[in-house]
Amino acid sequence: MEYPNVYTNGGDDMSEEQQRSFAAKLAHLRERIHPPDRGPYSAREIAAGIADDPGAMTAAFVSQLLRGQQPYPRMHHVEALAKFFGVPPAYFFDDEETESINAQIDDILAWRDTEARTIAQRVSELSPRDRATVTNLIESLQSYEDAPREQRRRRKASYDGDGDG
């Protein structure tokens, strides 16, 4: 992917919308991507996390980028920030890529905080055959839930005739 020249060498002025867009995307990553047991990374922590990268920058510079006050992030800075947050550099340039990655981030965060994680951990302890059975059950339930309400059919419990049900 080819990136806009304004990010690579600072030669052209970015519009306010582009500056806000970059700052908003960076701020969104900062707010959403962090260990589950704490809040967002500080500008100082981000700077320390990329200190050994060719795109290393000061905490003050990171803070300026977050607030949209630094209008000329260079490509090596963008790449360092992308690497720190685990996203491709295209996240900052391609709105479709941004939306796709944000959806993935949201899924991961939801996963982090739901009972689905507990269920998955329990299923992982089952035999391959039993995991396949659980997968089939989930697919059947999802198919039932996806069907229009008037088309849903519940099967009556079958009885084996001995009164146990």
C-alpha atoms as a PDB file:
ATOM      1  CA  MET A   1       0.000   0.000   0.000  1.00  0.00           C
ATOM      2  CA  GLU A   2       1.220   3.478  -0.796  1.00  0.00           C
ATOM      3  CA  TYR A   3       0.974   5.950   2.051  1.00  0.00           C
ATOM      4  CA  PRO A   4       0.230   9.650   1.717  1.00  0.00           C
ATOM      5  CA  ASN A   5       3.331  11.787   1.264  1.00  0.00           C
ATOM      6  CA  VAL A   6       2.336  14.076   4.131  1.00  0.00           C
ATOM      7  CA  TYR A   7       3.021  11.294   6.591  1.00  0.00           C
ATOM      8  CA  THR A   8       6.319  10.232   5.124  1.00  0.00           C
ATOM      9  CA  ASN A   9       8.208  13.477   4.880  1.00  0.00           C
ATOM     10  CA  GLY A  10       6.099  16.281   6.293  1.00  0.00           C
ATOM     11  CA  GLY A  11       6.425  18.196   3.030  1.00  0.00           C
ATOM     12  CA  ASP A  12       2.742  19.022   2.606  1.00  0.00           C
ATOM     13  CA  ASP A  13       0.410  20.469   5.201  1.00  0.00           C
ATOM     14  CA  MET A  14      -2.253  18.073   6.408  1.00  0.00           C
ATOM     15  CA  SER A  15      -5.797  19.349   6.673  1.00  0.00           C
ATOM     16  CA  GLU A  16      -7.317  19.736  10.120  1.00  0.00           C
ATOM     17  CA  GLU A  17      -9.536  16.750   9.339  1.00  0.00           C
ATOM     18  CA  GLN A  18      -6.473  14.600   8.578  1.00  0.00           C
ATOM     19  CA  GLN A  19      -4.749  15.761  11.758  1.00  0.00           C
ATOM     20  CA  ARG A  20      -7.832  15.010  13.845  1.00  0.00           C
ATOM     21  CA  SER A  21      -8.250  11.730  12.039  1.00  0.00           C
ATOM     22  CA  PHE A  22      -4.715  10.610  12.821  1.00  0.00           C
ATOM     23  CA  ALA A  23      -4.975  11.863  16.400  1.00  0.00           C
ATOM     24  CA  ALA A  24      -8.412  10.277  16.831  1.00  0.00           C
ATOM     25  CA  LYS A  25      -7.193   6.933  15.509  1.00  0.00           C
ATOM     26  CA  LEU A  26      -4.136   6.984  17.753  1.00  0.00           C
ATOM     27  CA  ALA A  27      -6.217   8.016  20.763  1.00  0.00           C
ATOM     28  CA  HIS A  28      -8.703   5.230  19.998  1.00  0.00           C
ATOM     29  CA  LEU A  29      -5.910   2.645  19.960  1.00  0.00           C
ATOM     30  CA  ARG A  30      -4.534   4.026  23.211  1.00  0.00           C
ATOM     31  CA  GLU A  31      -7.939   3.846  24.901  1.00  0.00           C
ATOM     32  CA  ARG A  32      -8.786   0.357  23.671  1.00  0.00           C
ATOM     33  CA  ILE A  33      -5.506  -1.587  23.551  1.00  0.00           C
ATOM     34  CA  HIS A  34      -3.969  -2.152  26.941  1.00  0.00           C
ATOM     35  CA  PRO A  35      -3.668  -5.011  29.423  1.00  0.00           C
ATOM     36  CA  PRO A  36      -7.042  -6.046  30.871  1.00  0.00           C
ATOM     37  CA  ASP A  37      -6.135  -5.258  34.448  1.00  0.00           C
ATOM     38  CA  ARG A  38      -5.285  -1.586  33.958  1.00  0.00           C
ATOM     39  CA  GLY A  39      -6.133   1.566  32.044  1.00  0.00           C
ATOM     40  CA  PRO A  40      -4.604   3.028  28.874  1.00  0.00           C
ATOM     41  CA  TYR A  41      -0.885   3.411  28.341  1.00  0.00           C
ATOM     42  CA  SER A  42       0.523   6.810  29.163  1.00  0.00           C
ATOM     43  CA  ALA A  43       2.476   8.778  26.566  1.00  0.00           C
ATOM     44  CA  ARG A  44       5.602   7.985  28.601  1.00  0.00           C
ATOM     45  CA  GLU A  45       4.868   4.234  28.477  1.00  0.00           C
ATOM     46  CA  ILE A  46       4.278   4.354  24.731  1.00  0.00           C
ATOM     47  CA  ALA A  47       7.560   6.234  24.230  1.00  0.00           C
ATOM     48  CA  ALA A  48       9.378   3.688  26.394  1.00  0.00           C
ATOM     49  CA  GLY A  49       7.751   0.827  24.461  1.00  0.00           C
ATOM     50  CA  ILE A  50       9.160   2.075  21.160  1.00  0.00           C
ATOM     51  CA  ALA A  51      12.472   3.383  22.483  1.00  0.00           C
ATOM     52  CA  ASP A  52      14.477   0.745  20.572  1.00  0.00           C
ATOM     53  CA  ASP A  53      12.520   1.254  17.340  1.00  0.00           C
ATOM     54  CA  PRO A  54      13.816   3.448  14.486  1.00  0.00           C
ATOM     55  CA  GLY A  55      10.651   5.500  15.006  1.00  0.00           C
ATOM     56  CA  ALA A  56      11.402   6.201  18.658  1.00  0.00           C
ATOM     57  CA  MET A  57      10.004   9.469  19.975  1.00  0.00           C
ATOM     58  CA  THR A  58       9.657  11.341  23.216  1.00  0.00           C
ATOM     59  CA  ALA A  59       6.635  11.161  25.482  1.00  0.00           C
ATOM     60  CA  ALA A  60       5.986  14.832  24.691  1.00  0.00           C
ATOM     61  CA  PHE A  61       5.873  14.037  20.961  1.00  0.00           C
ATOM     62  CA  VAL A  62       3.498  11.108  21.576  1.00  0.00           C
ATOM     63  CA  SER A  63       1.298  13.403  23.634  1.00  0.00           C
ATOM     64  CA  GLN A  64       1.277  15.998  20.831  1.00  0.00           C
ATOM     65  CA  LEU A  65       0.288  13.308  18.318  1.00  0.00           C
ATOM     66  CA  LEU A  66      -2.527  12.152  20.602  1.00  0.00           C
ATOM     67  CA  ARG A  67      -3.889  15.691  20.886  1.00  0.00           C
ATOM     68  CA  GLY A  68      -3.477  16.472  17.184  1.00  0.00           C
ATOM     69  CA  GLN A  69      -0.914  19.158  17.936  1.00  0.00           C
ATOM     70  CA  GLN A  70       1.883  17.567  15.922  1.00  0.00           C
ATOM     71  CA  PRO A  71       0.879  17.961  12.286  1.00  0.00           C
ATOM     72  CA  TYR A  72       3.747  16.007  10.717  1.00  0.00           C
ATOM     73  CA  PRO A  73       4.086  12.434  11.928  1.00  0.00           C
ATOM     74  CA  ARG A  74       6.766  10.820   9.822  1.00  0.00           C
ATOM     75  CA  MET A  75       6.348   7.339   8.456  1.00  0.00           C
ATOM     76  CA  HIS A  76       8.884   5.815  10.849  1.00  0.00           C
ATOM     77  CA  HIS A  77       6.867   7.277  13.755  1.00  0.00           C
ATOM     78  CA  VAL A  78       3.635   5.872  12.325  1.00  0.00           C
ATOM     79  CA  GLU A  79       5.255   2.462  11.865  1.00  0.00           C
ATOM     80  CA  ALA A  80       6.583   2.462  15.449  1.00  0.00           C
ATOM     81  CA  LEU A  81       3.178   3.359  16.871  1.00  0.00           C
ATOM     82  CA  ALA A  82       1.463   0.753  14.694  1.00  0.00           C
ATOM     83  CA  LYS A  83       3.924  -1.893  15.864  1.00  0.00           C
ATOM     84  CA  PHE A  84       3.435  -0.903  19.514  1.00  0.00           C
ATOM     85  CA  PHE A  85      -0.346  -1.302  19.246  1.00  0.00           C
ATOM     86  CA  GLY A  86      -0.157  -4.391  17.026  1.00  0.00           C
ATOM     87  CA  VAL A  87      -1.881  -2.921  13.977  1.00  0.00           C
ATOM     88  CA  PRO A  88      -0.629  -2.399  10.423  1.00  0.00           C
ATOM     89  CA  PRO A  89       0.450   1.153   9.508  1.00  0.00           C
ATOM     90  CA  ALA A  90      -2.463   1.200   7.059  1.00  0.00           C
ATOM     91  CA  TYR A  91      -4.719   1.565  10.118  1.00  0.00           C
ATOM     92  CA  PHE A  92      -3.848   5.268  10.132  1.00  0.00           C
ATOM     93  CA  PHE A  93      -4.398   5.845   6.393  1.00  0.00           C
ATOM     94  CA  ASP A  94      -7.189   3.576   5.215  1.00  0.00           C
ATOM     95  CA  ASP A  95     -10.606   4.119   6.822  1.00  0.00           C
ATOM     96  CA  GLU A  96     -11.849   0.680   5.728  1.00  0.00           C
ATOM     97  CA  GLU A  97      -8.815  -0.926   7.350  1.00  0.00           C
ATOM     98  CA  THR A  98      -9.448   1.159  10.467  1.00  0.00           C
ATOM     99  CA  GLU A  99     -13.069   0.016  10.677  1.00  0.00           C
ATOM    100  CA  SER A 100     -12.115  -3.613  10.173  1.00  0.00           C
ATOM    101  CA  ILE A 101      -9.411  -3.508  12.833  1.00  0.00           C
ATOM    102  CA  ASN A 102     -11.639  -1.601  15.265  1.00  0.00           C
ATOM    103  CA  ALA A 103     -14.272  -4.340  14.869  1.00  0.00           C
ATOM    104  CA  GLN A 104     -11.622  -6.958  15.648  1.00  0.00           C
ATOM    105  CA  ILE A 105     -10.512  -4.977  18.697  1.00  0.00           C
ATOM    106  CA  ASP A 106     -14.114  -4.747  19.888  1.00  0.00           C
ATOM    107  CA  ASP A 107     -14.517  -8.515  19.487  1.00  0.00           C
ATOM    108  CA  ILE A 108     -11.370  -9.154  21.504  1.00  0.00           C
ATOM    109  CA  LEU A 109     -12.461  -6.784  24.252  1.00  0.00           C
ATOM    110  CA  ALA A 110     -15.878  -8.402  24.400  1.00  0.00           C
ATOM    111  CA  TRP A 111     -14.178 -11.778  24.599  1.00  0.00           C
ATOM    112  CA  ARG A 112     -12.063 -10.554  27.464  1.00  0.00           C
ATOM    113  CA  ASP A 113     -15.078  -9.656  29.566  1.00  0.00           C
ATOM    114  CA  THR A 114     -17.683 -12.338  28.905  1.00  0.00           C
ATOM    115  CA  GLU A 115     -18.574 -15.811  29.958  1.00  0.00           C
ATOM    116  CA  ALA A 116     -17.669 -16.943  26.439  1.00  0.00           C
ATOM    117  CA  ARG A 117     -14.059 -17.154  27.555  1.00  0.00           C
ATOM    118  CA  THR A 118     -14.995 -19.487  30.408  1.00  0.00           C
ATOM    119  CA  ILE A 119     -17.063 -21.653  28.084  1.00  0.00           C
ATOM    120  CA  ALA A 120     -14.224 -21.811  25.552  1.00  0.00           C
ATOM    121  CA  GLN A 121     -11.764 -22.800  28.261  1.00  0.00           C
ATOM    122  CA  ARG A 122     -14.067 -25.601  29.388  1.00  0.00           C
ATOM    123  CA  VAL A 123     -14.642 -26.795  25.821  1.00  0.00           C
ATOM    124  CA  SER A 124     -10.896 -26.867  25.170  1.00  0.00           C
ATOM    125  CA  GLU A 125     -10.575 -29.523  27.872  1.00  0.00           C
ATOM    126  CA  LEU A 126     -12.939 -31.889  26.018  1.00  0.00           C
ATOM    127  CA  SER A 127     -11.913 -34.636  23.621  1.00  0.00           C
ATOM    128  CA  PRO A 128     -11.875 -33.754  19.889  1.00  0.00           C
ATOM    129  CA  ARG A 129     -15.069 -35.770  19.389  1.00  0.00           C
ATOM    130  CA  ASP A 130     -16.868 -33.952  22.198  1.00  0.00           C
ATOM    131  CA  ARG A 131     -15.620 -30.559  20.919  1.00  0.00           C
ATOM    132  CA  ALA A 132     -17.143 -31.425  17.524  1.00  0.00           C
ATOM    133  CA  THR A 133     -20.420 -32.272  19.272  1.00  0.00           C
ATOM    134  CA  VAL A 134     -20.399 -28.923  21.087  1.00  0.00           C
ATOM    135  CA  THR A 135     -19.630 -27.144  17.806  1.00  0.00           C
ATOM    136  CA  ASN A 136     -22.583 -28.867  16.130  1.00  0.00           C
ATOM    137  CA  LEU A 137     -24.829 -27.931  19.046  1.00  0.00           C
ATOM    138  CA  ILE A 138     -23.748 -24.292  18.847  1.00  0.00           C
ATOM    139  CA  GLU A 139     -24.366 -24.231  15.087  1.00  0.00           C
ATOM    140  CA  SER A 140     -27.835 -25.731  15.599  1.00  0.00           C
ATOM    141  CA  LEU A 141     -28.679 -23.189  18.273  1.00  0.00           C
ATOM    142  CA  GLN A 142     -27.393 -20.338  16.114  1.00  0.00           C
ATOM    143  CA  SER A 143     -29.427 -21.577  13.161  1.00  0.00           C
ATOM    144  CA  TYR A 144     -32.503 -21.705  15.385  1.00  0.00           C
ATOM    145  CA  GLU A 145     -31.857 -18.168  16.684  1.00  0.00           C
ATOM    146  CA  ASP A 146     -31.282 -16.836  13.158  1.00  0.00           C
ATOM    147  CA  ALA A 147     -34.547 -18.269  11.809  1.00  0.00           C
ATOM    148  CA  PRO A 148     -37.595 -15.978  11.785  1.00  0.00           C
ATOM    149  CA  ARG A 149     -39.645 -16.568  14.894  1.00  0.00           C
ATOM    150  CA  GLU A 150     -42.639 -17.996  12.992  1.00  0.00           C
ATOM    151  CA  GLN A 151     -40.369 -20.595  11.331  1.00  0.00           C
ATOM    152  CA  ARG A 152     -38.829 -21.874  14.532  1.00  0.00           C
ATOM    153  CA  ARG A 153     -39.907 -25.317  15.583  1.00  0.00           C
ATOM    154  CA  ARG A 154     -39.271 -26.843  18.926  1.00  0.00           C
ATOM    155  CA  ARG A 155     -39.171 -30.571  19.033  1.00  0.00           C
ATOM    156  CA  LYS A 156     -41.093 -32.286  21.734  1.00  0.00           C
ATOM    157  CA  ALA A 157     -39.009 -34.365  24.073  1.00  0.00           C
ATOM    158  CA  SER A 158     -39.131 -37.989  23.110  1.00  0.00           C
ATOM    159  CA  TYR A 159     -39.893 -40.522  25.763  1.00  0.00           C
ATOM    160  CA  ASP A 160     -38.534 -43.990  25.830  1.00  0.00           C
ATOM    161  CA  GLY A 161     -41.659 -45.410  27.435  1.00  0.00           C
ATOM    162  CA  ASP A 162     -40.175 -46.312  30.820  1.00  0.00           C
ATOM    163  CA  GLY A 163     -41.366 -43.102  32.453  1.00  0.00           C
ATOM    164  CA  ASP A 164     -37.857 -41.625  32.892  1.00  0.00           C
ATOM    165  CA  GLY A 165     -38.374 -39.153  30.032  1.00  0.00           C
END
